[in-house]
Every structure is written in structure tokens, then in C-alpha cells.
Amino acid sequence: MNGQTIAILESRLGAQLVELIAKRGGKPVWAPALAEVPDVEPQFIAELLQDWKLKPVKAAIFQTGVGTHALFRAADALNMTEMLLELLADTTVVVRGPKPTGALRSRNVRIDISARDPFTTAEILADIASVPVSGERVVVQRYGARNVELESALKARGAAVIEIPTYRWSLPADTKPLLDLIAALERREIASVVVTSASQIQNFFEVAQSIGKADTLAAHLNATLVASIGPVCSAALLRFGVQPALEAHPPKLGPLINALDAALS
């Protein structure tokens, strides 16, 4: 990466990205743009499982590994894990990607449908098209925000959607690194910005808006090489007027860093 300065907006895996970029000869600048806040309500989980037992669910869709683990930890604390496993055994289990797949397999849950690469909502909807959901109930493990596209499509097919909140996304408690990054972008000190989720770019612009610089942030980002981890992230960037210079295929950290290294080298 020729010693070029690369900004990282990732939070949870930010330290890993910092290490990967440094090993490739880049100078990482870590400015976390996202915080994961636990949002599991034990009483809601208990009532959901009791209701699920009385009124069967046609399909359960798991979107993230973090959220799947959080659901099972809540069931563990309630001594209701066995019930959850029995309910899933009688339900069509759908997973969005490798992380929820790993989380479910760690609990020996059978997986019926796995969304294809690149693991977006479009692939989920295409892969469950043959599942009859009209008049049926569908449970959706929510990620950091509501998946409005998924929910709307299921409701349009006549399904009743039950969301399970497990965590929510928010701004990090300390936004100074983001403010410093905005200033560094203005000074043209950043060669590339790595974006690994749609919510990161939304929060970044929210911070810029708070200091009256949202209007210029897109131009400053477009003056760098913006690296996107996948199509969902790229779509969010485009909504804010930012053109991703590259997109990882498949949407994983390894291919993203390889593509970034090739572009900068």
C-alpha cells in the first residue's frame, strides 16, 4: 500500500483491519463510526417463545451472527433454550450469510435455506420465494436496524412479520476520531477510506451534519479511493453522493483488503 494513509470506519473488527493494513504497508487511521448497543429484552423473548409454541411460525430468518448469539444467550438465561431448539426444528430456518450460519451450527440447528453470495436482502428474498408465507408468521432476527425492504416484501406476500431485536446501532460515544477524519479529508491527507457497512457512512454524515459539513463531505470522500465491502454498502455510499472506487467480491474483509492493496499499489 506504499505507505499511504487509509481511514477505517469499522468498529467491532477495526483492530483487525488496522493490523491487516499495517502489514500491507499502509498507514491506518481508525475512526469508528458505529457502536453496537445490546437491545435484548428478556421478557419479550420469553413471551415470543411461548407465543411461538402456541402459534407455529413458518420461517425464521437469521441475519447476523452477533444477533443470533445474543438470542441464544437470552434463551440460556431464561432456561428456554431447549424450547427454542424444538421450535426451530419445526420451522424453515433461513440464514443470510456465514456468520449466522456458524452461530446456528454451534447450537446444532438445522439450516434449510442459505442466502447466496453476496448475502444481501435480494438473495434472501429470491431464495425464499418458494416458501409459502401467505397467511403465515415469519420471525426475523433484526440486525442493528430494521430491514424495511425484507419486512415490506414479506408483508406484500401476505406474511405476518415478527421482529426479534437483539442489538441496535448508534453513534460511538466518542466522535472525536470522526471529526478528526473530516478535518484530515479536508486537508487531503487521506488516500483511501474503507467502509464496511451502510450504517457507518450514515453515521459519518450525521457527525458531519452536526458541524455543518455534510454538504462538503461527499466531495472530500470522492477525492479519495473509497473501498466498499459489498453491494449494500456501495448503495448507501451512492445515496450520499459518494462513488465507491472498488467493491469486494465476495463481500468479506480478505477480498476487500486484497482489492485495496492492488488498487493502491
Foldseek 3Di string as FASTA:
>chain_A
DQQAEEEEQDDPCQVVLCVLQVVLNYHYQYQHFKDKAFDADLVVLVVVLVVCVVAPAAEEEEEALQLLLLSLVSCVVVVNNVSVLVSLVVYAYEYQDDNVVVNCVVVPGDHRYYFDPVRDLVSRCVGCVVRQAAVGEYEYEADQDDPVVNVVVSVVSRHHYHYGDGIHMDGDPDRVSLVVVQVCLVVVRHAEYEDEALSSVVSSLVVCVVVPRSVCSQVSNQVHAYFYLADRNQVSNVVSVHHHNYYFVRSDPVSSSVVVSVVVD
